Structure formats: structure tokens, C-alpha cells
Amino acid sequence: MKTPNVDDAIVKSIASDTNVPVEMVLRMYEETWAEYSDGARIVDYLPVLVARRVRDNLRHWGQEIH
């Protein structure tokens, strides 16, 4: 079940930029969203912060593999 806050365009962009399957990016995005939104009173910037964290995690993960 997809989180209502997921922006498909952002997920697809991250997947394309990092060469990671959309399903994996979606799962990471949803998990990061849940972590960041837990107890958050202001959520205006969450899409930007979540996308940045997912991208950074995937970049670090990619560097560890190589």
C-alpha cells in the first residue's frame, strides 16, 4: 500500500538518477517519510527533506558497492 504523501515523479526521478529500481526507491521513500513525519508539526518541507535523504543514502550505498 502506497503512502499518500509519495510523489511518484520524485520517486521515478531518484530511481532514474541512481539506477535503482523504482520499487526499492519507493520503499526507502515511504520508510524515510514515516521516520521524518513521526511527531512532525510542520510538514511543508518534508518532500524535499525525504527526497534528499533517499538520494544521499542511495549515493552512499552505491559508493560502498564499488
N, C-alpha and C. Protein backbone atom coordinates (compact mmCIF):
# COMPACT_ATOMS: atom_id res chain seq x y z
N MET A 1 0.84 -1.19 0.00
CA MET A 1 0.00 0.00 0.00
C MET A 1 0.88 1.24 0.00
N LYS A 2 0.63 2.14 -0.92
CA LYS A 2 1.46 3.32 -1.09
C LYS A 2 1.04 4.42 -0.12
N THR A 3 2.05 5.07 0.45
CA THR A 3 1.81 6.21 1.33
C THR A 3 1.22 7.35 0.52
N PRO A 4 0.17 8.01 1.01
CA PRO A 4 -0.45 9.09 0.24
C PRO A 4 0.48 10.26 -0.04
N ASN A 5 1.53 10.40 0.73
CA ASN A 5 2.44 11.54 0.58
C ASN A 5 3.53 11.30 -0.46
N VAL A 6 3.54 10.14 -1.09
CA VAL A 6 4.59 9.82 -2.06
C VAL A 6 4.33 10.56 -3.36
N ASP A 7 5.34 11.25 -3.82
CA ASP A 7 5.28 11.93 -5.11
C ASP A 7 5.93 11.01 -6.14
N ASP A 8 5.11 10.42 -7.01
CA ASP A 8 5.62 9.46 -7.99
C ASP A 8 6.72 10.05 -8.87
N ALA A 9 6.61 11.31 -9.22
CA ALA A 9 7.61 11.94 -10.08
C ALA A 9 8.97 12.00 -9.36
N ILE A 10 8.95 12.30 -8.08
CA ILE A 10 10.20 12.36 -7.31
C ILE A 10 10.81 10.97 -7.22
N VAL A 11 10.00 9.97 -6.92
CA VAL A 11 10.49 8.60 -6.80
C VAL A 11 11.09 8.13 -8.12
N LYS A 12 10.40 8.38 -9.22
CA LYS A 12 10.91 7.97 -10.53
C LYS A 12 12.19 8.70 -10.88
N SER A 13 12.28 9.98 -10.53
CA SER A 13 13.48 10.77 -10.79
C SER A 13 14.67 10.22 -10.01
N ILE A 14 14.46 9.91 -8.75
CA ILE A 14 15.54 9.36 -7.92
C ILE A 14 15.97 8.00 -8.49
N ALA A 15 15.01 7.17 -8.85
CA ALA A 15 15.33 5.86 -9.42
C ALA A 15 16.15 6.00 -10.69
N SER A 16 15.75 6.91 -11.54
CA SER A 16 16.46 7.12 -12.80
C SER A 16 17.87 7.66 -12.56
N ASP A 17 18.00 8.62 -11.67
CA ASP A 17 19.30 9.24 -11.40
C ASP A 17 20.29 8.29 -10.74
N THR A 18 19.77 7.34 -9.96
CA THR A 18 20.65 6.46 -9.20
C THR A 18 20.72 5.04 -9.76
N ASN A 19 19.98 4.78 -10.83
CA ASN A 19 19.94 3.43 -11.43
C ASN A 19 19.51 2.37 -10.43
N VAL A 20 18.50 2.70 -9.66
CA VAL A 20 17.94 1.79 -8.66
C VAL A 20 16.49 1.55 -9.05
N PRO A 21 16.00 0.33 -8.88
CA PRO A 21 14.60 0.04 -9.23
C PRO A 21 13.61 0.95 -8.48
N VAL A 22 12.56 1.34 -9.17
CA VAL A 22 11.54 2.23 -8.60
C VAL A 22 10.97 1.64 -7.31
N GLU A 23 10.77 0.33 -7.27
CA GLU A 23 10.19 -0.30 -6.09
C GLU A 23 11.06 -0.10 -4.86
N MET A 24 12.38 -0.18 -5.05
CA MET A 24 13.30 0.00 -3.93
C MET A 24 13.29 1.46 -3.46
N VAL A 25 13.30 2.38 -4.42
CA VAL A 25 13.26 3.81 -4.07
C VAL A 25 11.96 4.12 -3.35
N LEU A 26 10.86 3.59 -3.85
CA LEU A 26 9.56 3.82 -3.23
C LEU A 26 9.55 3.33 -1.78
N ARG A 27 10.08 2.15 -1.56
CA ARG A 27 10.14 1.60 -0.20
C ARG A 27 10.99 2.50 0.71
N MET A 28 12.15 2.94 0.22
CA MET A 28 13.01 3.82 1.01
C MET A 28 12.32 5.16 1.28
N TYR A 29 11.63 5.69 0.27
CA TYR A 29 10.94 6.97 0.41
C TYR A 29 9.85 6.85 1.48
N GLU A 30 9.07 5.77 1.41
CA GLU A 30 7.99 5.58 2.39
C GLU A 30 8.54 5.42 3.81
N GLU A 31 9.62 4.66 3.95
CA GLU A 31 10.22 4.46 5.27
C GLU A 31 10.80 5.77 5.82
N THR A 32 11.45 6.52 4.96
CA THR A 32 12.04 7.80 5.38
C THR A 32 10.94 8.79 5.72
N TRP A 33 9.87 8.80 4.91
CA TRP A 33 8.74 9.69 5.20
C TRP A 33 8.16 9.38 6.58
N ALA A 34 7.96 8.10 6.87
CA ALA A 34 7.40 7.70 8.16
C ALA A 34 8.30 8.14 9.30
N GLU A 35 9.60 7.99 9.11
CA GLU A 35 10.56 8.39 10.14
C GLU A 35 10.53 9.89 10.37
N TYR A 36 10.54 10.66 9.29
CA TYR A 36 10.60 12.13 9.39
C TYR A 36 9.27 12.73 9.85
N SER A 37 8.16 12.13 9.47
CA SER A 37 6.87 12.74 9.78
C SER A 37 6.37 12.38 11.18
N ASP A 38 6.97 11.37 11.80
CA ASP A 38 6.55 10.95 13.13
C ASP A 38 6.74 12.10 14.13
N GLY A 39 5.64 12.66 14.56
CA GLY A 39 5.68 13.76 15.52
C GLY A 39 5.93 15.13 14.92
N ALA A 40 6.09 15.21 13.61
CA ALA A 40 6.35 16.50 12.96
C ALA A 40 5.11 17.37 13.00
N ARG A 41 5.30 18.62 13.36
CA ARG A 41 4.17 19.55 13.37
C ARG A 41 4.13 20.36 12.08
N ILE A 42 5.28 20.55 11.48
CA ILE A 42 5.35 21.27 10.21
C ILE A 42 5.87 20.29 9.17
N VAL A 43 5.06 20.07 8.14
CA VAL A 43 5.43 19.08 7.12
C VAL A 43 5.62 19.69 5.73
N ASP A 44 5.66 21.00 5.67
CA ASP A 44 5.77 21.67 4.37
C ASP A 44 7.02 21.27 3.59
N TYR A 45 8.11 21.04 4.28
CA TYR A 45 9.37 20.75 3.61
C TYR A 45 9.73 19.26 3.60
N LEU A 46 8.85 18.44 4.12
CA LEU A 46 9.14 17.01 4.18
C LEU A 46 9.45 16.39 2.81
N PRO A 47 8.71 16.71 1.75
CA PRO A 47 9.05 16.08 0.46
C PRO A 47 10.50 16.36 0.03
N VAL A 48 10.95 17.57 0.26
CA VAL A 48 12.33 17.94 -0.12
C VAL A 48 13.33 17.20 0.77
N LEU A 49 13.08 17.20 2.07
CA LEU A 49 14.00 16.56 3.00
C LEU A 49 14.05 15.04 2.81
N VAL A 50 12.90 14.45 2.58
CA VAL A 50 12.84 13.00 2.37
C VAL A 50 13.56 12.62 1.08
N ALA A 51 13.30 13.35 0.01
CA ALA A 51 13.96 13.07 -1.27
C ALA A 51 15.47 13.21 -1.15
N ARG A 52 15.91 14.23 -0.45
CA ARG A 52 17.36 14.44 -0.27
C ARG A 52 17.97 13.28 0.51
N ARG A 53 17.31 12.84 1.58
CA ARG A 53 17.85 11.74 2.38
C ARG A 53 17.92 10.45 1.57
N VAL A 54 16.88 10.16 0.80
CA VAL A 54 16.87 8.94 -0.01
C VAL A 54 17.98 8.99 -1.05
N ARG A 55 18.13 10.12 -1.73
CA ARG A 55 19.21 10.27 -2.73
C ARG A 55 20.57 10.06 -2.07
N ASP A 56 20.79 10.73 -0.94
CA ASP A 56 22.07 10.62 -0.24
C ASP A 56 22.34 9.18 0.19
N ASN A 57 21.33 8.51 0.73
CA ASN A 57 21.51 7.12 1.15
C ASN A 57 21.86 6.22 -0.04
N LEU A 58 21.20 6.45 -1.16
CA LEU A 58 21.48 5.63 -2.34
C LEU A 58 22.87 5.93 -2.90
N ARG A 59 23.29 7.16 -2.87
CA ARG A 59 24.64 7.50 -3.34
C ARG A 59 25.70 6.84 -2.46
N HIS A 60 25.51 6.91 -1.15
CA HIS A 60 26.47 6.28 -0.23
C HIS A 60 26.46 4.77 -0.40
N TRP A 61 25.28 4.20 -0.59
CA TRP A 61 25.16 2.78 -0.80
C TRP A 61 25.88 2.37 -2.08
N GLY A 62 25.72 3.17 -3.14
CA GLY A 62 26.38 2.89 -4.42
C GLY A 62 27.88 2.97 -4.31
N GLN A 63 28.39 3.90 -3.51
CA GLN A 63 29.84 4.04 -3.34
C GLN A 63 30.41 2.86 -2.56
N GLU A 64 29.64 2.34 -1.61
CA GLU A 64 30.10 1.21 -0.83
C GLU A 64 30.23 -0.05 -1.67
N ILE A 65 29.37 -0.18 -2.68
CA ILE A 65 29.38 -1.35 -3.54
C ILE A 65 30.61 -1.33 -4.46
N HIS A 66 30.98 -0.16 -4.93
CA HIS A 66 32.10 -0.04 -5.87
C HIS A 66 33.37 0.02 -5.12
